Amino acid sequence: MNAPDRYERFVVPEGTKKVSYERDTKIINAASFTIEREDHTVGNILRMQLHRDDNVLFAGYKLPHPLQYKIIVRVHTTSQSSPMQAYNQAINDLDKELDHLRNAFETEMAKHSRDY
């Protein structure tokens, strides 16, 4: 079969960066982030988090091809922020939200495991 091996979907090849940054030469305060070995799950969550930032004018992502396991996130910001700052802030905010979610889940699981 011509399909790639399943591990290729999530294992980043040696020598390849997980995230690469490329500044847009035509639009001021715009850039593309290529994230290796990710799909719609991360792309959509990251896009929605970027939209929460008032300094972000545009945030979108695409999968170049179904057999290429990477997403390209495009960010355009106002002059008060840079795409890198917006991206880093979105990642940090998502990290905090997921920590909160994990802690809330573990608390509820501990509470219910005592009952049974």
C-alpha atoms as a PDB file:
ATOM      1  CA  MET A   1       0.000   0.000   0.000  1.00  0.00           C
ATOM      2  CA  ASN A   2       1.195   3.547  -0.677  1.00  0.00           C
ATOM      3  CA  ALA A   3       0.114   4.979   2.673  1.00  0.00           C
ATOM      4  CA  PRO A   4       2.905   6.142   5.000  1.00  0.00           C
ATOM      5  CA  ASP A   5       3.566   4.270   8.236  1.00  0.00           C
ATOM      6  CA  ARG A   6       1.365   5.341  11.150  1.00  0.00           C
ATOM      7  CA  TYR A   7       4.262   6.500  13.312  1.00  0.00           C
ATOM      8  CA  GLU A   8       5.065   9.159  10.701  1.00  0.00           C
ATOM      9  CA  ARG A   9       1.942  11.034  11.825  1.00  0.00           C
ATOM     10  CA  PHE A  10       3.408  11.972  15.190  1.00  0.00           C
ATOM     11  CA  VAL A  11       7.163  11.295  15.293  1.00  0.00           C
ATOM     12  CA  VAL A  12       9.155  14.355  14.230  1.00  0.00           C
ATOM     13  CA  PRO A  13      12.088  13.241  12.056  1.00  0.00           C
ATOM     14  CA  GLU A  14      15.566  13.812  13.411  1.00  0.00           C
ATOM     15  CA  GLY A  15      16.935  17.197  12.375  1.00  0.00           C
ATOM     16  CA  THR A  16      13.459  18.666  11.782  1.00  0.00           C
ATOM     17  CA  LYS A  17      12.161  21.484  13.975  1.00  0.00           C
ATOM     18  CA  LYS A  18       8.730  21.039  15.535  1.00  0.00           C
ATOM     19  CA  VAL A  19       7.835  24.670  14.766  1.00  0.00           C
ATOM     20  CA  SER A  20       9.346  26.933  12.147  1.00  0.00           C
ATOM     21  CA  TYR A  21       8.685  30.637  11.651  1.00  0.00           C
ATOM     22  CA  GLU A  22       8.583  32.536   8.386  1.00  0.00           C
ATOM     23  CA  ARG A  23       7.901  36.266   8.207  1.00  0.00           C
ATOM     24  CA  ASP A  24       5.603  37.464   5.430  1.00  0.00           C
ATOM     25  CA  THR A  25       7.463  39.788   3.074  1.00  0.00           C
ATOM     26  CA  LYS A  26       4.335  41.374   1.583  1.00  0.00           C
ATOM     27  CA  ILE A  27       2.272  42.166   4.685  1.00  0.00           C
ATOM     28  CA  ILE A  28       3.613  44.026   7.715  1.00  0.00           C
ATOM     29  CA  ASN A  29       3.169  42.167  11.027  1.00  0.00           C
ATOM     30  CA  ALA A  30       2.231  38.889   9.364  1.00  0.00           C
ATOM     31  CA  ALA A  31       3.915  35.511   9.543  1.00  0.00           C
ATOM     32  CA  SER A  32       3.463  31.795   9.012  1.00  0.00           C
ATOM     33  CA  PHE A  33       4.250  29.097  11.545  1.00  0.00           C
ATOM     34  CA  THR A  34       4.730  25.576  10.233  1.00  0.00           C
ATOM     35  CA  ILE A  35       4.023  23.017  12.935  1.00  0.00           C
ATOM     36  CA  GLU A  36       5.231  19.512  12.130  1.00  0.00           C
ATOM     37  CA  ARG A  37       3.269  16.377  12.957  1.00  0.00           C
ATOM     38  CA  GLU A  38       0.037  18.137  13.942  1.00  0.00           C
ATOM     39  CA  ASP A  39      -3.448  18.226  12.445  1.00  0.00           C
ATOM     40  CA  HIS A  40      -6.840  19.944  12.729  1.00  0.00           C
ATOM     41  CA  THR A  41      -6.998  19.370  16.492  1.00  0.00           C
ATOM     42  CA  VAL A  42      -4.076  21.636  17.318  1.00  0.00           C
ATOM     43  CA  GLY A  43      -4.695  23.950  14.356  1.00  0.00           C
ATOM     44  CA  ASN A  44      -8.254  24.796  15.334  1.00  0.00           C
ATOM     45  CA  ILE A  45      -7.515  25.219  19.054  1.00  0.00           C
ATOM     46  CA  LEU A  46      -4.564  27.491  18.291  1.00  0.00           C
ATOM     47  CA  ARG A  47      -6.570  29.516  15.769  1.00  0.00           C
ATOM     48  CA  MET A  48      -9.398  30.049  18.260  1.00  0.00           C
ATOM     49  CA  GLN A  49      -6.945  31.103  20.987  1.00  0.00           C
ATOM     50  CA  LEU A  50      -5.278  33.575  18.624  1.00  0.00           C
ATOM     51  CA  HIS A  51      -8.703  35.075  17.821  1.00  0.00           C
ATOM     52  CA  ARG A  52      -9.159  35.878  21.522  1.00  0.00           C
ATOM     53  CA  ASP A  53      -6.234  38.330  21.311  1.00  0.00           C
ATOM     54  CA  ASP A  54      -7.380  41.870  20.449  1.00  0.00           C
ATOM     55  CA  ASN A  55      -4.099  42.540  18.624  1.00  0.00           C
ATOM     56  CA  VAL A  56      -4.647  39.689  16.159  1.00  0.00           C
ATOM     57  CA  LEU A  57      -6.297  40.827  12.929  1.00  0.00           C
ATOM     58  CA  PHE A  58      -6.225  37.433  11.222  1.00  0.00           C
ATOM     59  CA  ALA A  59      -5.487  33.891  12.327  1.00  0.00           C
ATOM     60  CA  GLY A  60      -6.012  30.819  10.214  1.00  0.00           C
ATOM     61  CA  TYR A  61      -4.462  27.469   9.475  1.00  0.00           C
ATOM     62  CA  LYS A  62      -4.358  24.906   6.712  1.00  0.00           C
ATOM     63  CA  LEU A  63      -3.167  21.390   6.085  1.00  0.00           C
ATOM     64  CA  PRO A  64      -1.197  21.541   2.838  1.00  0.00           C
ATOM     65  CA  HIS A  65      -1.988  17.921   1.921  1.00  0.00           C
ATOM     66  CA  PRO A  66      -3.680  14.987   3.716  1.00  0.00           C
ATOM     67  CA  LEU A  67      -0.501  12.909   3.539  1.00  0.00           C
ATOM     68  CA  GLN A  68       1.753  15.705   4.826  1.00  0.00           C
ATOM     69  CA  TYR A  69       1.535  15.731   8.590  1.00  0.00           C
ATOM     70  CA  LYS A  70       1.945  19.425   9.248  1.00  0.00           C
ATOM     71  CA  ILE A  71      -0.160  22.532   9.587  1.00  0.00           C
ATOM     72  CA  ILE A  72       0.598  26.080   8.544  1.00  0.00           C
ATOM     73  CA  VAL A  73      -0.743  28.762  10.885  1.00  0.00           C
ATOM     74  CA  ARG A  74      -0.956  32.302   9.487  1.00  0.00           C
ATOM     75  CA  VAL A  75      -1.079  35.245  11.894  1.00  0.00           C
ATOM     76  CA  HIS A  76      -1.512  38.954  11.134  1.00  0.00           C
ATOM     77  CA  THR A  77      -1.342  41.404  14.037  1.00  0.00           C
ATOM     78  CA  THR A  78      -1.698  45.099  14.699  1.00  0.00           C
ATOM     79  CA  SER A  79       1.351  47.303  15.127  1.00  0.00           C
ATOM     80  CA  GLN A  80       1.098  46.920  18.941  1.00  0.00           C
ATOM     81  CA  SER A  81       2.120  43.262  18.734  1.00  0.00           C
ATOM     82  CA  SER A  82       4.118  40.899  16.570  1.00  0.00           C
ATOM     83  CA  PRO A  83       2.990  37.532  15.228  1.00  0.00           C
ATOM     84  CA  MET A  84       5.621  35.823  17.390  1.00  0.00           C
ATOM     85  CA  GLN A  85       4.324  37.548  20.540  1.00  0.00           C
ATOM     86  CA  ALA A  86       0.730  36.617  19.695  1.00  0.00           C
ATOM     87  CA  TYR A  87       1.698  33.010  18.963  1.00  0.00           C
ATOM     88  CA  ASN A  88       3.712  32.658  22.185  1.00  0.00           C
ATOM     89  CA  GLN A  89       0.924  34.250  24.233  1.00  0.00           C
ATOM     90  CA  ALA A  90      -1.649  31.899  22.696  1.00  0.00           C
ATOM     91  CA  ILE A  91       0.523  28.857  23.462  1.00  0.00           C
ATOM     92  CA  ASN A  92       1.059  30.019  27.070  1.00  0.00           C
ATOM     93  CA  ASP A  93      -2.665  30.708  27.554  1.00  0.00           C
ATOM     94  CA  LEU A  94      -3.572  27.286  26.173  1.00  0.00           C
ATOM     95  CA  ASP A  95      -1.020  25.679  28.476  1.00  0.00           C
ATOM     96  CA  LYS A  96      -2.642  27.379  31.481  1.00  0.00           C
ATOM     97  CA  GLU A  97      -6.146  26.393  30.360  1.00  0.00           C
ATOM     98  CA  LEU A  98      -5.151  22.764  29.873  1.00  0.00           C
ATOM     99  CA  ASP A  99      -3.427  22.689  33.281  1.00  0.00           C
ATOM    100  CA  HIS A 100      -6.612  24.027  34.854  1.00  0.00           C
ATOM    101  CA  LEU A 101      -8.700  21.433  33.001  1.00  0.00           C
ATOM    102  CA  ARG A 102      -6.402  18.599  34.086  1.00  0.00           C
ATOM    103  CA  ASN A 103      -6.459  19.745  37.717  1.00  0.00           C
ATOM    104  CA  ALA A 104     -10.250  20.043  37.714  1.00  0.00           C
ATOM    105  CA  PHE A 105     -10.554  16.575  36.161  1.00  0.00           C
ATOM    106  CA  GLU A 106      -8.161  15.017  38.675  1.00  0.00           C
ATOM    107  CA  THR A 107     -10.000  16.674  41.573  1.00  0.00           C
ATOM    108  CA  GLU A 108     -13.339  15.307  40.395  1.00  0.00           C
ATOM    109  CA  MET A 109     -11.861  11.861  39.793  1.00  0.00           C
ATOM    110  CA  ALA A 110     -10.407  11.814  43.321  1.00  0.00           C
ATOM    111  CA  LYS A 111     -13.744  12.935  44.739  1.00  0.00           C
ATOM    112  CA  HIS A 112     -15.663  10.208  42.907  1.00  0.00           C
ATOM    113  CA  SER A 113     -13.124   7.462  43.568  1.00  0.00           C
ATOM    114  CA  ARG A 114     -13.589   7.984  47.318  1.00  0.00           C
ATOM    115  CA  ASP A 115     -17.330   7.464  46.896  1.00  0.00           C
ATOM    116  CA  TYR A 116     -16.893   4.044  45.273  1.00  0.00           C
END
